[in-house]
């Protein structure tokens, strides 16, 4: 493990990389969308020139796909994916996708050539599991991982948590993402100086010991996600209340009063894991 290296897998517009760079980490960003690659090359031109940030362009996919992969570049860039089914699902919600062909990235090759990072942030629609699976072939593990959790299939969330446990992770948190934009954190940089940061829209927030709340064991995080999926059933994209918004506000108010739930409903979550 390289103690001053972070992988930002799903670099997007650099919302998270800005925080990691400010803390003094070297960052390896992986991004499929060519427009976003150009955006980040401009935004972070100083860090790219100094070598603090390296950007790898392409889409992570399995070796069986061959040297190139079809990428569904969505009108809402956070929803872009290599997964045709995900693209179809988001299109039903009004988000159109353009099909483009990109070079395929083998994440195992990246681990081997660049090393295993201290923190691994994963947010690549439809390829999160491949990034985790690639760690099985490495001798070391990142100290911390964050990965977007599914909102539709509880079985997929359980499988992802099971893989994290198989990889050696024993401490977990489910972190609500809807509250991150505009939130502020004060933390330490690698050189010991104090860093204050306000997160942009689209950022996934702090990681590691900068997160609030206690770490949960495996059974605890499974229980937490059961509760989260109850909220998804009531308030998610495919729920009755999503189709009847006039009923949603009063129902949410009553639900929060009865359950003690705080914050936005249903929101969405990232899973954080620690060795």
Protein backbone atom coordinates (compact mmCIF):
# COMPACT_ATOMS: atom_id res chain seq x y z
CA UNK A 1 0.00 0.00 0.00
CA UNK A 2 1.25 3.48 -0.92
CA UNK A 3 0.49 5.74 2.04
CA UNK A 4 0.24 9.03 0.12
CA UNK A 5 -1.78 7.75 -2.86
CA UNK A 6 -5.53 7.90 -3.50
CA UNK A 7 -7.38 6.35 -6.44
CA UNK A 8 -10.37 8.43 -7.58
CA UNK A 9 -12.13 5.87 -9.74
CA UNK A 10 -14.87 7.90 -11.38
CA UNK A 11 -13.05 11.24 -11.37
CA UNK A 12 -16.05 13.04 -12.90
CA UNK A 13 -15.46 16.81 -12.60
CA UNK A 14 -12.84 16.44 -9.88
CA UNK A 15 -15.25 17.16 -7.03
CA UNK A 16 -13.48 14.66 -4.78
CA UNK A 17 -9.99 15.01 -6.21
CA UNK A 18 -9.98 18.68 -5.17
CA UNK A 19 -10.27 17.59 -1.52
CA UNK A 20 -7.68 14.82 -1.79
CA UNK A 21 -5.18 17.13 -3.49
CA UNK A 22 -5.74 19.81 -0.86
CA UNK A 23 -4.86 17.23 1.82
CA UNK A 24 -1.55 16.66 0.03
CA UNK A 25 -2.21 13.23 -1.47
CA UNK A 26 -1.10 12.11 -4.89
CA UNK A 27 -4.21 11.21 -6.87
CA UNK A 28 -4.73 8.77 -9.72
CA UNK A 29 -8.02 9.64 -11.39
CA UNK A 30 -9.79 7.29 -13.79
CA UNK A 31 -12.51 8.77 -16.00
CA UNK A 32 -14.35 7.45 -19.05
CA UNK A 33 -16.17 10.55 -20.28
CA UNK A 34 -13.81 12.41 -22.67
CA UNK A 35 -15.46 15.77 -21.94
CA UNK A 36 -14.88 15.35 -18.20
CA UNK A 37 -11.28 14.30 -18.78
CA UNK A 38 -10.66 17.56 -20.64
CA UNK A 39 -12.46 19.49 -17.90
CA UNK A 40 -10.22 18.02 -15.19
CA UNK A 41 -7.07 18.52 -17.23
CA UNK A 42 -7.94 22.20 -17.31
CA UNK A 43 -9.16 22.50 -13.74
CA UNK A 44 -6.10 20.80 -12.30
CA UNK A 45 -3.48 21.81 -14.87
CA UNK A 46 -0.98 22.76 -12.15
CA UNK A 47 -1.38 19.45 -10.30
CA UNK A 48 -1.20 17.47 -13.56
CA UNK A 49 1.96 19.32 -14.57
CA UNK A 50 3.59 18.66 -11.19
CA UNK A 51 2.66 14.98 -11.23
CA UNK A 52 0.46 15.21 -8.12
CA UNK A 53 -2.53 14.22 -10.28
CA UNK A 54 -2.45 11.60 -13.01
CA UNK A 55 -5.55 11.07 -15.15
CA UNK A 56 -6.18 7.80 -17.00
CA UNK A 57 -8.84 7.99 -19.70
CA UNK A 58 -11.03 5.00 -20.53
CA UNK A 59 -13.74 2.71 -19.19
CA UNK A 60 -13.14 -0.08 -16.70
CA UNK A 61 -14.56 -3.37 -17.98
CA UNK A 62 -13.82 -7.08 -17.90
CA UNK A 63 -11.13 -8.58 -20.14
CA UNK A 64 -13.77 -10.49 -22.09
CA UNK A 65 -15.02 -7.21 -23.60
CA UNK A 66 -11.87 -6.86 -25.71
CA UNK A 67 -9.80 -3.71 -26.26
CA UNK A 68 -12.80 -1.35 -26.50
CA UNK A 69 -16.14 -1.00 -24.73
CA UNK A 70 -19.45 0.74 -25.47
CA UNK A 71 -20.03 3.58 -23.02
CA UNK A 72 -23.44 5.18 -22.50
CA UNK A 73 -22.68 8.88 -22.01
CA UNK A 74 -25.71 10.21 -20.19
CA UNK A 75 -27.22 13.69 -20.39
CA UNK A 76 -26.75 13.70 -16.60
CA UNK A 77 -23.05 12.86 -16.50
CA UNK A 78 -23.17 11.12 -13.09
CA UNK A 79 -25.42 8.46 -14.66
CA UNK A 80 -23.07 7.50 -17.51
CA UNK A 81 -22.28 3.79 -17.53
CA UNK A 82 -21.02 0.76 -19.45
CA UNK A 83 -24.12 -1.15 -18.29
CA UNK A 84 -26.84 -1.21 -20.96
CA UNK A 85 -29.54 -2.11 -18.41
CA UNK A 86 -28.63 0.84 -16.18
CA UNK A 87 -28.70 3.12 -19.20
CA UNK A 88 -32.18 1.86 -20.10
CA UNK A 89 -33.36 2.39 -16.53
CA UNK A 90 -32.17 5.99 -16.41
CA UNK A 91 -33.65 6.66 -19.84
CA UNK A 92 -37.07 5.76 -18.43
CA UNK A 93 -36.50 8.56 -15.91
CA UNK A 94 -35.88 11.02 -18.74
CA UNK A 95 -32.08 10.90 -18.97
CA UNK A 96 -30.96 10.17 -22.53
CA UNK A 97 -27.67 8.44 -23.33
CA UNK A 98 -25.31 8.69 -26.29
CA UNK A 99 -23.38 5.55 -27.22
CA UNK A 100 -19.64 6.04 -27.69
CA UNK A 101 -16.76 3.56 -27.95
CA UNK A 102 -13.87 3.92 -25.51
CA UNK A 103 -10.64 2.08 -24.76
CA UNK A 104 -11.08 -0.57 -22.09
CA UNK A 105 -9.10 -0.22 -18.86
CA UNK A 106 -7.96 -3.32 -16.96
CA UNK A 107 -8.02 -2.33 -13.30
CA UNK A 108 -5.68 -5.18 -12.33
CA UNK A 109 -3.04 -3.73 -14.63
CA UNK A 110 -3.50 -0.35 -12.93
CA UNK A 111 -2.98 -1.86 -9.47
CA UNK A 112 0.14 -3.65 -10.65
CA UNK A 113 1.72 -0.69 -12.40
CA UNK A 114 0.69 2.12 -10.03
CA UNK A 115 0.43 0.33 -6.68
CA UNK A 116 -2.38 -0.17 -4.17
CA UNK A 117 -3.57 3.17 -2.73
CA UNK A 118 -4.19 4.25 0.86
CA UNK A 119 -7.78 5.12 -0.04
CA UNK A 120 -9.82 3.78 -2.94
CA UNK A 121 -12.89 5.78 -3.95
CA UNK A 122 -15.13 3.95 -6.42
CA UNK A 123 -18.05 5.51 -8.25
CA UNK A 124 -18.27 4.01 -11.74
CA UNK A 125 -21.81 3.06 -12.64
CA UNK A 126 -21.89 -0.64 -13.50
CA UNK A 127 -18.21 -1.41 -12.86
CA UNK A 128 -17.81 -0.93 -9.10
CA UNK A 129 -17.62 -4.66 -8.49
CA UNK A 130 -14.83 -5.11 -11.04
CA UNK A 131 -12.68 -2.57 -9.19
CA UNK A 132 -13.17 -4.47 -5.93
CA UNK A 133 -12.64 -7.88 -7.53
CA UNK A 134 -9.31 -6.68 -8.90
CA UNK A 135 -7.98 -6.35 -5.35
CA UNK A 136 -8.12 -10.13 -4.92
CA UNK A 137 -4.99 -10.42 -7.06
CA UNK A 138 -3.03 -7.92 -4.96
CA UNK A 139 -0.94 -8.68 -1.88
CA UNK A 140 -1.99 -5.47 -0.12
CA UNK A 141 -5.28 -3.69 0.48
CA UNK A 142 -6.23 -0.02 0.73
CA UNK A 143 -6.69 1.05 4.34
CA UNK A 144 -10.04 2.60 3.38
CA UNK A 145 -12.54 2.09 0.58
CA UNK A 146 -15.71 3.92 -0.39
CA UNK A 147 -18.10 2.60 -3.00
CA UNK A 148 -21.56 3.64 -4.13
CA UNK A 149 -24.27 1.25 -2.94
CA UNK A 150 -27.19 0.10 -5.08
CA UNK A 151 -30.66 1.61 -4.54
CA UNK A 152 -32.67 -1.10 -6.26
CA UNK A 153 -31.39 -4.57 -5.32
CA UNK A 154 -30.70 -5.34 -1.66
CA UNK A 155 -29.10 -8.61 -2.76
CA UNK A 156 -26.53 -6.63 -4.72
CA UNK A 157 -25.68 -4.57 -1.64
CA UNK A 158 -25.28 -7.74 0.44
CA UNK A 159 -23.00 -9.23 -2.23
CA UNK A 160 -20.88 -6.07 -2.29
CA UNK A 161 -20.56 -6.09 1.50
CA UNK A 162 -19.71 -9.78 1.38
CA UNK A 163 -16.92 -9.09 -1.10
CA UNK A 164 -15.54 -6.34 1.13
CA UNK A 165 -15.54 -8.77 4.04
CA UNK A 166 -13.81 -11.38 1.86
CA UNK A 167 -11.14 -8.79 1.06
CA UNK A 168 -10.47 -8.36 4.78
CA UNK A 169 -12.60 -5.35 5.71
CA UNK A 170 -14.22 -5.50 9.13
CA UNK A 171 -15.53 -1.98 9.80
CA UNK A 172 -18.28 -0.30 7.79
CA UNK A 173 -20.39 2.85 7.51
CA UNK A 174 -23.34 3.77 5.29
CA UNK A 175 -22.93 7.47 4.49
CA UNK A 176 -25.88 9.51 3.22
CA UNK A 177 -24.72 11.39 0.12
CA UNK A 178 -27.54 13.88 -0.29
CA UNK A 179 -26.24 15.93 2.63
CA UNK A 180 -22.65 16.23 1.35
CA UNK A 181 -22.84 19.22 -1.06
CA UNK A 182 -22.14 22.43 0.82
CA UNK A 183 -21.00 20.64 3.96
CA UNK A 184 -17.70 21.67 5.55
CA UNK A 185 -14.90 19.58 7.04
CA UNK A 186 -11.79 20.63 8.92
CA UNK A 187 -9.05 18.02 8.90
CA UNK A 188 -5.30 17.48 8.73
CA UNK A 189 -3.18 17.42 5.59
CA UNK A 190 -0.33 14.94 5.20
CA UNK A 191 2.15 17.61 6.34
CA UNK A 192 0.20 18.18 9.56
CA UNK A 193 -1.33 21.50 8.56
CA UNK A 194 -5.04 22.18 9.02
CA UNK A 195 -7.23 21.94 5.93
CA UNK A 196 -10.74 23.39 5.70
CA UNK A 197 -12.87 22.32 2.76
CA UNK A 198 -16.43 22.88 1.55
CA UNK A 199 -17.65 20.07 -0.70
CA UNK A 200 -18.94 20.81 -4.19
CA UNK A 201 -22.18 19.44 -5.57
CA UNK A 202 -21.42 15.90 -6.70
CA UNK A 203 -18.70 15.28 -4.11
CA UNK A 204 -18.79 12.11 -2.02
CA UNK A 205 -17.39 13.80 1.08
CA UNK A 206 -14.74 12.90 3.64
CA UNK A 207 -13.32 9.44 4.23
CA UNK A 208 -11.60 7.37 6.88
CA UNK A 209 -11.49 8.83 10.36
CA UNK A 210 -12.89 12.17 9.12
CA UNK A 211 -16.30 10.51 8.87
CA UNK A 212 -18.76 11.05 11.68
CA UNK A 213 -20.43 8.29 13.66
CA UNK A 214 -19.29 4.85 14.79
CA UNK A 215 -18.01 2.07 12.56
CA UNK A 216 -20.31 -0.96 12.34
CA UNK A 217 -19.42 -4.63 12.12
CA UNK A 218 -20.73 -6.77 9.25
CA UNK A 219 -24.02 -7.67 10.94
CA UNK A 220 -24.50 -4.05 11.92
CA UNK A 221 -24.09 -2.73 8.39
CA UNK A 222 -26.47 -5.36 7.00
CA UNK A 223 -29.06 -4.23 9.56
CA UNK A 224 -28.46 -0.59 8.63
CA UNK A 225 -29.02 -1.28 4.94
CA UNK A 226 -32.24 -3.16 5.67
CA UNK A 227 -33.51 0.07 7.22
CA UNK A 228 -32.26 2.12 4.27
CA UNK A 229 -34.03 -0.17 1.78
CA UNK A 230 -37.26 0.27 3.73
CA UNK A 231 -36.93 3.98 3.00
CA UNK A 232 -36.21 3.23 -0.67
CA UNK A 233 -39.41 1.15 -0.88
CA UNK A 234 -41.46 3.99 0.55
CA UNK A 235 -39.79 6.96 -1.12
CA UNK A 236 -37.53 5.71 -3.94
CA UNK A 237 -37.76 6.35 -7.69
CA UNK A 238 -40.16 3.44 -8.27
CA UNK A 239 -42.31 3.99 -5.18
CA UNK A 240 -45.99 4.98 -5.18
CA UNK A 241 -45.12 8.25 -3.45
CA UNK A 242 -42.68 9.14 -6.23
CA UNK A 243 -45.64 8.96 -8.61
CA UNK A 244 -47.91 10.92 -6.23
CA UNK A 245 -45.72 13.81 -5.03
CA UNK A 246 -48.71 15.63 -3.52
CA UNK A 247 -48.83 12.88 -0.87
CA UNK A 248 -45.09 12.60 -0.38
CA UNK A 249 -44.43 15.66 1.80
CA UNK A 250 -47.02 14.95 4.51
CA UNK A 251 -46.18 11.23 4.51
CA UNK A 252 -42.48 11.97 4.89
CA UNK A 253 -43.20 14.31 7.81
CA UNK A 254 -45.25 11.66 9.61
CA UNK A 255 -42.69 8.96 8.83
CA UNK A 256 -39.83 11.02 10.28
CA UNK A 257 -41.87 11.77 13.39
CA UNK A 258 -42.63 8.08 13.96
CA UNK A 259 -39.18 6.68 13.15
CA UNK A 260 -36.84 9.43 14.28
CA UNK A 261 -35.39 9.59 10.77
CA UNK A 262 -33.42 12.78 10.09
CA UNK A 263 -32.39 14.43 6.85
CA UNK A 264 -33.46 13.81 3.28
CA UNK A 265 -35.58 10.85 2.16
CA UNK A 266 -34.59 8.60 0.61
CA UNK A 267 -31.28 10.06 -0.59
CA UNK A 268 -28.57 7.62 -1.60
CA UNK A 269 -25.63 6.05 0.17
CA UNK A 270 -21.97 5.17 -0.17
CA UNK A 271 -20.51 2.27 1.77
CA UNK A 272 -17.23 3.05 3.54
CA UNK A 273 -15.02 0.20 4.71
CA UNK A 274 -11.88 0.04 6.85
CA UNK A 275 -9.45 -2.77 7.60
